[in-house]
Every structure is written in structure tokens, then in C-alpha cells.
Amino acid sequence: MSQNNIESALKRELQQQAGRSMFGRDGRLKNELEGNVGGNIHLGEYLQLGEIPFAPDPWGSDHATNLARLTEYMASLPGNMGGVVGGPLSKDDQKILYCVATLYAVGIAQGENNFAERSAAYADKYLRGGSASNTAWSKEHVREEVCRLILKHADPRAIAEDARLQVFNDARRYEMSRLQPNTAAGLKNLREHCSPDKFYSGFAKDKANLRAWMLKRGWK
């Protein structure tokens, strides 16, 4: 196969992958993704969610699993097709973000003040234990990055400098749709936190995508 043919084949594959939307024509999350928490997480590399002391709703397991799925999807988008600059992020970074999204809010169970520090401490303990054995998350550098990103997830300077935190920023803002759906208070919250200038990726800035996630999270 010539170099031109190789490049054309790679381009077609990239376009096909990037063109697979997580949303159906009705604006809802496609059925095949509903039960798929982490599309790039292979057998033997699932986090043991049953062992995690999630915070009460709206910060509990429902939020964590939806956020993890959305974060991983956003991280997989090429930069020129809706992803953040430099996207798609590596598979390792996608796994790291999946874990960050799952564990970043567990510290809220003891209150919202300084919850990121408690969440990071829990993540360190959790990933050192048997729950992460024989998975990508058992590696020391992965554990360290998960904890560091949890600590820095709301730091504006860190977000501006790290594409992974930019992806997580966009996904977290989308997940604000879960709060008080179909109410004036919920709409005010979205207007404050989900205006296009608050997002980094083209995917997140697209109002149709935000609307689709709102439908997924209970809006009419």
C-alpha cells in the first residue's frame, strides 16, 4: 500500500471514529452506551464500584458513573473534531480521567470544604489496595496522576495548563445538568456555569450537545 493510500485509510478511520456520536437523533444517550461505563476500559480493568463510599446524591454513584462515561468520551475526541487542543488524549490519560471522575467527589461525604484533599487521600488508599490489583490503575505513576488531578481539578491555573483537566472541566460542567432539572434554579445554574466561554472543547461549546446531555439528565 502506498503512503498516500495509508494516509487516506487512516484519515477515513479517524473520521469514522470521531463521527460516532454518543447521542441518538432524539438527543438521548445511545442505548449501547447506557450500560457501558468506560468504553475503552477492557476486561480486568474495571474499578470495583461497590467498595467505594460515595457521597450522598447529587454527588453519589449515579453522578460518578455518568461523569466517568462522559469524561472518557470527551477525552477520546480528536482536537480538530470537537476535542480539546491536542486531542484525542492517550488511552492512559483516558483511564486516568475515568478514575478521577469516579473518585473526585467521595470526600464530599464529610462536607464540601476541602473535599478534594479527602478525595485524593481516599483515591491513594483505594488504588494501593486490592481493588486496583492487576489493572492499569495499580501502577504508581497512574495513581500519582489520579491523586494530583483530583487535587487540582478546580484550580483555574492548573486547568489552563493541562488538557486532561480541560476535558474534566467540560464534563463536570455538563453534569451540572443533573441539578434541579426543569426548574428556574436549575436553569440559572446552567446559564452561569455552562456558557460557551466556560468550555475548552468544541464538542462542549456546541449547544446541541449540551441540550442532549440535559435530556439525558432529566430535562424536558
C-alpha atoms as a PDB file:
ATOM      1  CA  MET A   1       0.000   0.000   0.000  1.00  0.00           C
ATOM      2  CA  SER A   2       1.381   3.407  -0.971  1.00  0.00           C
ATOM      3  CA  GLN A   3       1.977   6.188   1.536  1.00  0.00           C
ATOM      4  CA  ASN A   4      -0.982   8.139   0.113  1.00  0.00           C
ATOM      5  CA  ASN A   5      -3.260   5.128   0.477  1.00  0.00           C
ATOM      6  CA  ILE A   6      -2.113   4.582   4.053  1.00  0.00           C
ATOM      7  CA  GLU A   7      -2.773   8.200   4.920  1.00  0.00           C
ATOM      8  CA  SER A   8      -6.214   8.048   3.284  1.00  0.00           C
ATOM      9  CA  ALA A   9      -7.110   4.881   5.197  1.00  0.00           C
ATOM     10  CA  LEU A  10      -6.005   6.402   8.489  1.00  0.00           C
ATOM     11  CA  LYS A  11      -7.984   9.567   7.759  1.00  0.00           C
ATOM     12  CA  ARG A  12     -11.148   7.566   6.987  1.00  0.00           C
ATOM     13  CA  GLU A  13     -10.796   5.567  10.202  1.00  0.00           C
ATOM     14  CA  LEU A  14     -10.266   8.730  12.249  1.00  0.00           C
ATOM     15  CA  GLN A  15     -13.322  10.348  10.705  1.00  0.00           C
ATOM     16  CA  GLN A  16     -15.433   7.255  11.334  1.00  0.00           C
ATOM     17  CA  GLN A  17     -14.417   7.062  14.991  1.00  0.00           C
ATOM     18  CA  ALA A  18     -14.855  10.773  15.620  1.00  0.00           C
ATOM     19  CA  GLY A  19     -18.208  10.785  13.844  1.00  0.00           C
ATOM     20  CA  ARG A  20     -19.750   8.258  16.201  1.00  0.00           C
ATOM     21  CA  SER A  21     -21.852  10.430  18.424  1.00  0.00           C
ATOM     22  CA  MET A  22     -22.833   9.247  21.894  1.00  0.00           C
ATOM     23  CA  PHE A  23     -26.269  10.754  21.267  1.00  0.00           C
ATOM     24  CA  GLY A  24     -29.118   9.436  19.131  1.00  0.00           C
ATOM     25  CA  ARG A  25     -31.364  11.562  16.946  1.00  0.00           C
ATOM     26  CA  ASP A  26     -33.764  12.083  19.871  1.00  0.00           C
ATOM     27  CA  GLY A  27     -30.947  13.711  21.834  1.00  0.00           C
ATOM     28  CA  ARG A  28     -30.622  10.889  24.329  1.00  0.00           C
ATOM     29  CA  LEU A  29     -27.564   8.787  25.095  1.00  0.00           C
ATOM     30  CA  LYS A  30     -27.456   5.810  22.747  1.00  0.00           C
ATOM     31  CA  ASN A  31     -28.588   2.528  24.270  1.00  0.00           C
ATOM     32  CA  GLU A  32     -25.294   0.769  23.717  1.00  0.00           C
ATOM     33  CA  LEU A  33     -23.585   3.397  25.871  1.00  0.00           C
ATOM     34  CA  GLU A  34     -26.120   3.356  28.688  1.00  0.00           C
ATOM     35  CA  GLY A  35     -24.641   0.248  30.219  1.00  0.00           C
ATOM     36  CA  ASN A  36     -21.078   0.862  29.125  1.00  0.00           C
ATOM     37  CA  VAL A  37     -19.150   2.609  31.854  1.00  0.00           C
ATOM     38  CA  GLY A  38     -15.841   3.273  30.185  1.00  0.00           C
ATOM     39  CA  GLY A  39     -15.834   2.251  26.529  1.00  0.00           C
ATOM     40  CA  ASN A  40     -12.040   1.931  26.422  1.00  0.00           C
ATOM     41  CA  ILE A  41     -11.749   0.029  29.699  1.00  0.00           C
ATOM     42  CA  HIS A  42     -11.135  -3.633  28.979  1.00  0.00           C
ATOM     43  CA  LEU A  43     -11.943  -6.785  30.952  1.00  0.00           C
ATOM     44  CA  GLY A  44      -9.953  -6.888  34.168  1.00  0.00           C
ATOM     45  CA  GLU A  45      -9.626  -3.111  34.224  1.00  0.00           C
ATOM     46  CA  TYR A  46     -12.879  -2.078  35.874  1.00  0.00           C
ATOM     47  CA  LEU A  47     -12.929  -0.226  39.152  1.00  0.00           C
ATOM     48  CA  GLN A  48     -14.767  -2.065  41.921  1.00  0.00           C
ATOM     49  CA  LEU A  49     -17.524   0.488  42.421  1.00  0.00           C
ATOM     50  CA  GLY A  50     -19.260  -1.461  45.176  1.00  0.00           C
ATOM     51  CA  GLU A  51     -16.369  -0.785  47.540  1.00  0.00           C
ATOM     52  CA  ILE A  52     -16.364   2.996  47.087  1.00  0.00           C
ATOM     53  CA  PRO A  53     -18.014   5.090  49.862  1.00  0.00           C
ATOM     54  CA  PHE A  54     -19.732   7.512  47.514  1.00  0.00           C
ATOM     55  CA  ALA A  55     -21.084  10.785  48.860  1.00  0.00           C
ATOM     56  CA  PRO A  56     -24.868  11.211  49.035  1.00  0.00           C
ATOM     57  CA  ASP A  57     -26.712  12.339  45.928  1.00  0.00           C
ATOM     58  CA  PRO A  58     -26.336  14.501  43.922  1.00  0.00           C
ATOM     59  CA  TRP A  59     -22.659  13.564  44.341  1.00  0.00           C
ATOM     60  CA  GLY A  60     -23.094   9.802  44.546  1.00  0.00           C
ATOM     61  CA  SER A  61     -22.565   6.823  42.278  1.00  0.00           C
ATOM     62  CA  ASP A  62     -25.059   7.987  39.651  1.00  0.00           C
ATOM     63  CA  HIS A  63     -23.086  11.204  39.192  1.00  0.00           C
ATOM     64  CA  ALA A  64     -19.749   9.384  39.258  1.00  0.00           C
ATOM     65  CA  THR A  65     -20.645   6.792  36.630  1.00  0.00           C
ATOM     66  CA  ASN A  66     -22.252   9.310  34.268  1.00  0.00           C
ATOM     67  CA  LEU A  67     -19.354  11.718  34.677  1.00  0.00           C
ATOM     68  CA  ALA A  68     -16.787   8.958  34.088  1.00  0.00           C
ATOM     69  CA  ARG A  69     -18.508   7.868  30.893  1.00  0.00           C
ATOM     70  CA  LEU A  70     -18.854  11.428  29.579  1.00  0.00           C
ATOM     71  CA  THR A  71     -15.285  12.378  30.518  1.00  0.00           C
ATOM     72  CA  GLU A  72     -13.839   9.380  28.747  1.00  0.00           C
ATOM     73  CA  TYR A  73     -15.891  10.108  25.641  1.00  0.00           C
ATOM     74  CA  MET A  74     -14.777  13.736  25.523  1.00  0.00           C
ATOM     75  CA  ALA A  75     -11.160  12.699  26.037  1.00  0.00           C
ATOM     76  CA  SER A  76     -11.359  10.366  23.024  1.00  0.00           C
ATOM     77  CA  LEU A  77     -12.324  13.132  20.568  1.00  0.00           C
ATOM     78  CA  PRO A  78      -9.644  14.441  18.155  1.00  0.00           C
ATOM     79  CA  GLY A  79      -8.865  18.117  18.599  1.00  0.00           C
ATOM     80  CA  ASN A  80      -9.957  19.013  15.086  1.00  0.00           C
ATOM     81  CA  MET A  81     -13.261  17.205  15.520  1.00  0.00           C
ATOM     82  CA  GLY A  82     -14.557  18.626  18.759  1.00  0.00           C
ATOM     83  CA  GLY A  83     -11.959  17.543  21.276  1.00  0.00           C
ATOM     84  CA  VAL A  84      -9.626  19.743  23.276  1.00  0.00           C
ATOM     85  CA  VAL A  85      -6.446  21.062  21.662  1.00  0.00           C
ATOM     86  CA  GLY A  86      -4.084  18.117  21.317  1.00  0.00           C
ATOM     87  CA  GLY A  87      -6.883  15.554  21.494  1.00  0.00           C
ATOM     88  CA  PRO A  88      -7.572  12.763  21.460  1.00  0.00           C
ATOM     89  CA  LEU A  89      -5.871  12.152  24.761  1.00  0.00           C
ATOM     90  CA  SER A  90      -3.902   8.926  25.121  1.00  0.00           C
ATOM     91  CA  LYS A  91      -5.638   5.759  26.287  1.00  0.00           C
ATOM     92  CA  ASP A  92      -3.636   6.007  29.526  1.00  0.00           C
ATOM     93  CA  ASP A  93      -4.893   9.540  30.120  1.00  0.00           C
ATOM     94  CA  GLN A  94      -8.446   8.425  29.338  1.00  0.00           C
ATOM     95  CA  LYS A  95      -8.146   5.749  32.036  1.00  0.00           C
ATOM     96  CA  ILE A  96      -6.692   8.287  34.462  1.00  0.00           C
ATOM     97  CA  LEU A  97      -9.604  10.661  33.839  1.00  0.00           C
ATOM     98  CA  TYR A  98     -12.110   7.830  34.185  1.00  0.00           C
ATOM     99  CA  CYS A  99     -10.720   7.152  37.653  1.00  0.00           C
ATOM    100  CA  VAL A 100     -10.586  10.854  38.566  1.00  0.00           C
ATOM    101  CA  ALA A 101     -14.236  11.270  37.601  1.00  0.00           C
ATOM    102  CA  THR A 102     -15.224   8.227  39.649  1.00  0.00           C
ATOM    103  CA  LEU A 103     -13.423   9.228  42.841  1.00  0.00           C
ATOM    104  CA  TYR A 104     -13.096  13.036  42.867  1.00  0.00           C
ATOM    105  CA  ALA A 105     -16.259  13.663  44.915  1.00  0.00           C
ATOM    106  CA  VAL A 106     -16.084  10.919  47.569  1.00  0.00           C
ATOM    107  CA  GLY A 107     -14.704  13.445  50.064  1.00  0.00           C
ATOM    108  CA  ILE A 108     -17.952  15.417  49.962  1.00  0.00           C
ATOM    109  CA  ALA A 109     -19.417  12.776  52.267  1.00  0.00           C
ATOM    110  CA  GLN A 110     -17.640  14.674  55.078  1.00  0.00           C
ATOM    111  CA  GLY A 111     -18.608  18.113  53.771  1.00  0.00           C
ATOM    112  CA  GLU A 112     -17.719  20.301  50.798  1.00  0.00           C
ATOM    113  CA  ASN A 113     -14.869  22.217  52.476  1.00  0.00           C
ATOM    114  CA  ASN A 114     -11.512  20.811  51.341  1.00  0.00           C
ATOM    115  CA  PHE A 115     -13.243  17.761  49.869  1.00  0.00           C
ATOM    116  CA  ALA A 116     -10.652  17.414  47.088  1.00  0.00           C
ATOM    117  CA  GLU A 117      -7.921  16.685  49.635  1.00  0.00           C
ATOM    118  CA  ARG A 118     -10.046  13.963  51.246  1.00  0.00           C
ATOM    119  CA  SER A 119     -10.954  12.529  47.853  1.00  0.00           C
ATOM    120  CA  ALA A 120      -7.307  12.391  46.797  1.00  0.00           C
ATOM    121  CA  ALA A 121      -6.326  10.715  50.056  1.00  0.00           C
ATOM    122  CA  TYR A 122      -9.045   8.129  49.546  1.00  0.00           C
ATOM    123  CA  ALA A 123      -8.009   7.586  45.917  1.00  0.00           C
ATOM    124  CA  ASP A 124      -4.427   6.912  47.026  1.00  0.00           C
ATOM    125  CA  LYS A 125      -5.599   4.346  49.583  1.00  0.00           C
ATOM    126  CA  TYR A 126      -8.106   2.780  47.198  1.00  0.00           C
ATOM    127  CA  LEU A 127      -5.631   2.385  44.344  1.00  0.00           C
ATOM    128  CA  ARG A 128      -2.997   0.889  46.628  1.00  0.00           C
ATOM    129  CA  GLY A 129      -5.460  -1.773  47.735  1.00  0.00           C
ATOM    130  CA  GLY A 130      -6.838  -4.885  46.125  1.00  0.00           C
ATOM    131  CA  SER A 131      -9.489  -3.012  44.164  1.00  0.00           C
ATOM    132  CA  ALA A 132      -6.900  -1.895  41.620  1.00  0.00           C
ATOM    133  CA  SER A 133      -4.795  -5.063  41.530  1.00  0.00           C
ATOM    134  CA  ASN A 134      -3.815  -6.197  38.035  1.00  0.00           C
ATOM    135  CA  THR A 135      -5.328  -3.111  36.403  1.00  0.00           C
ATOM    136  CA  ALA A 136      -3.866  -0.033  34.744  1.00  0.00           C
ATOM    137  CA  TRP A 137      -4.618   1.882  37.942  1.00  0.00           C
ATOM    138  CA  SER A 138      -2.276  -0.199  40.092  1.00  0.00           C
ATOM    139  CA  LYS A 139       0.758   1.482  38.511  1.00  0.00           C
ATOM    140  CA  GLU A 140       2.463   4.036  40.725  1.00  0.00           C
ATOM    141  CA  HIS A 141       2.601   6.846  38.143  1.00  0.00           C
ATOM    142  CA  VAL A 142      -1.092   6.374  37.317  1.00  0.00           C
ATOM    143  CA  ARG A 143      -2.055   6.522  40.995  1.00  0.00           C
ATOM    144  CA  GLU A 144       0.009   9.659  41.474  1.00  0.00           C
ATOM    145  CA  GLU A 145      -1.570  11.373  38.477  1.00  0.00           C
ATOM    146  CA  VAL A 146      -5.097  10.451  39.589  1.00  0.00           C
ATOM    147  CA  CYS A 147      -4.481  11.961  43.017  1.00  0.00           C
ATOM    148  CA  ARG A 148      -2.808  15.065  41.608  1.00  0.00           C
ATOM    149  CA  LEU A 149      -5.624  15.747  39.143  1.00  0.00           C
ATOM    150  CA  ILE A 150      -8.244  15.292  41.867  1.00  0.00           C
ATOM    151  CA  LEU A 151      -6.414  17.858  43.998  1.00  0.00           C
ATOM    152  CA  LYS A 152      -6.142  20.327  41.104  1.00  0.00           C
ATOM    153  CA  HIS A 153      -9.457  19.670  39.364  1.00  0.00           C
ATOM    154  CA  ALA A 154     -10.931  23.103  40.226  1.00  0.00           C
ATOM    155  CA  ASP A 155      -7.719  25.154  40.060  1.00  0.00           C
ATOM    156  CA  PRO A 156      -8.093  27.631  37.132  1.00  0.00           C
ATOM    157  CA  ARG A 157      -4.330  27.855  36.549  1.00  0.00           C
ATOM    158  CA  ALA A 158      -3.901  24.081  36.509  1.00  0.00           C
ATOM    159  CA  ILE A 159      -6.884  23.679  34.188  1.00  0.00           C
ATOM    160  CA  ALA A 160      -5.475  26.222  31.741  1.00  0.00           C
ATOM    161  CA  GLU A 161      -2.214  24.276  31.549  1.00  0.00           C
ATOM    162  CA  ASP A 162      -3.461  20.669  31.412  1.00  0.00           C
ATOM    163  CA  ALA A 163      -5.636  19.278  28.598  1.00  0.00           C
ATOM    164  CA  ARG A 164      -6.819  16.480  30.882  1.00  0.00           C
ATOM    165  CA  LEU A 165      -8.236  18.955  33.372  1.00  0.00           C
ATOM    166  CA  GLN A 166      -9.803  20.873  30.496  1.00  0.00           C
ATOM    167  CA  VAL A 167     -11.681  17.740  29.469  1.00  0.00           C
ATOM    168  CA  PHE A 168     -12.719  17.173  33.071  1.00  0.00           C
ATOM    169  CA  ASN A 169     -13.807  20.800  33.407  1.00  0.00           C
ATOM    170  CA  ASP A 170     -16.098  20.456  30.397  1.00  0.00           C
ATOM    171  CA  ALA A 171     -17.591  17.174  31.585  1.00  0.00           C
ATOM    172  CA  ARG A 172     -18.181  18.452  35.127  1.00  0.00           C
ATOM    173  CA  ARG A 173     -19.996  21.489  33.781  1.00  0.00           C
ATOM    174  CA  TYR A 174     -22.207  19.270  31.623  1.00  0.00           C
ATOM    175  CA  GLU A 175     -23.014  17.174  34.687  1.00  0.00           C
ATOM    176  CA  MET A 176     -24.463  20.248  36.388  1.00  0.00           C
ATOM    177  CA  SER A 177     -27.496  19.355  34.301  1.00  0.00           C
ATOM    178  CA  ARG A 178     -28.355  16.792  36.972  1.00  0.00           C
ATOM    179  CA  LEU A 179     -29.040  19.550  39.498  1.00  0.00           C
ATOM    180  CA  GLN A 180     -32.663  20.707  39.811  1.00  0.00           C
ATOM    181  CA  PRO A 181     -33.789  19.809  36.280  1.00  0.00           C
ATOM    182  CA  ASN A 182     -36.828  21.643  34.890  1.00  0.00           C
ATOM    183  CA  THR A 183     -36.649  24.399  37.489  1.00  0.00           C
ATOM    184  CA  ALA A 184     -35.766  28.085  37.340  1.00  0.00           C
ATOM    185  CA  ALA A 185     -32.927  27.458  39.790  1.00  0.00           C
ATOM    186  CA  GLY A 186     -31.521  24.685  37.631  1.00  0.00           C
ATOM    187  CA  LEU A 187     -31.701  26.828  34.516  1.00  0.00           C
ATOM    188  CA  LYS A 188     -29.985  29.719  36.286  1.00  0.00           C
ATOM    189  CA  ASN A 189     -27.208  27.372  37.371  1.00  0.00           C
ATOM    190  CA  LEU A 190     -26.655  26.175  33.803  1.00  0.00           C
ATOM    191  CA  ARG A 191     -26.636  29.714  32.428  1.00  0.00           C
ATOM    192  CA  GLU A 192     -23.989  30.651  34.968  1.00  0.00           C
ATOM    193  CA  HIS A 193     -21.732  27.643  34.542  1.00  0.00           C
ATOM    194  CA  CYS A 194     -22.355  26.357  31.010  1.00  0.00           C
ATOM    195  CA  SER A 195     -21.993  29.350  28.714  1.00  0.00           C
ATOM    196  CA  PRO A 196     -19.708  28.615  25.702  1.00  0.00           C
ATOM    197  CA  ASP A 197     -16.880  30.737  27.121  1.00  0.00           C
ATOM    198  CA  LYS A 198     -16.624  28.368  30.102  1.00  0.00           C
ATOM    199  CA  PHE A 199     -15.735  25.391  27.890  1.00  0.00           C
ATOM    200  CA  TYR A 200     -12.490  24.325  26.237  1.00  0.00           C
ATOM    201  CA  SER A 201     -13.621  21.818  23.603  1.00  0.00           C
ATOM    202  CA  GLY A 202     -15.657  22.420  20.508  1.00  0.00           C
ATOM    203  CA  PHE A 203     -17.863  19.486  21.470  1.00  0.00           C
ATOM    204  CA  ALA A 204     -18.755  21.067  24.806  1.00  0.00           C
ATOM    205  CA  LYS A 205     -19.347  24.503  23.286  1.00  0.00           C
ATOM    206  CA  ASP A 206     -21.973  23.056  20.927  1.00  0.00           C
ATOM    207  CA  LYS A 207     -25.372  23.897  22.423  1.00  0.00           C
ATOM    208  CA  ALA A 208     -26.939  20.851  20.771  1.00  0.00           C
ATOM    209  CA  ASN A 209     -24.600  18.555  22.707  1.00  0.00           C
ATOM    210  CA  LEU A 210     -25.352  20.322  25.976  1.00  0.00           C
ATOM    211  CA  ARG A 211     -29.072  20.062  25.284  1.00  0.00           C
ATOM    212  CA  ALA A 212     -28.687  16.347  24.573  1.00  0.00           C
ATOM    213  CA  TRP A 213     -26.947  15.824  27.922  1.00  0.00           C
ATOM    214  CA  MET A 214     -29.677  17.839  29.637  1.00  0.00           C
ATOM    215  CA  LEU A 215     -32.271  15.441  28.187  1.00  0.00           C
ATOM    216  CA  LYS A 216     -30.191  12.523  29.411  1.00  0.00           C
ATOM    217  CA  ARG A 217     -30.189  14.043  32.915  1.00  0.00           C
ATOM    218  CA  GLY A 218     -33.921  14.623  33.173  1.00  0.00           C
ATOM    219  CA  TRP A 219     -34.711  17.878  31.395  1.00  0.00           C
ATOM    220  CA  LYS A 220     -37.723  18.060  29.091  1.00  0.00           C
END
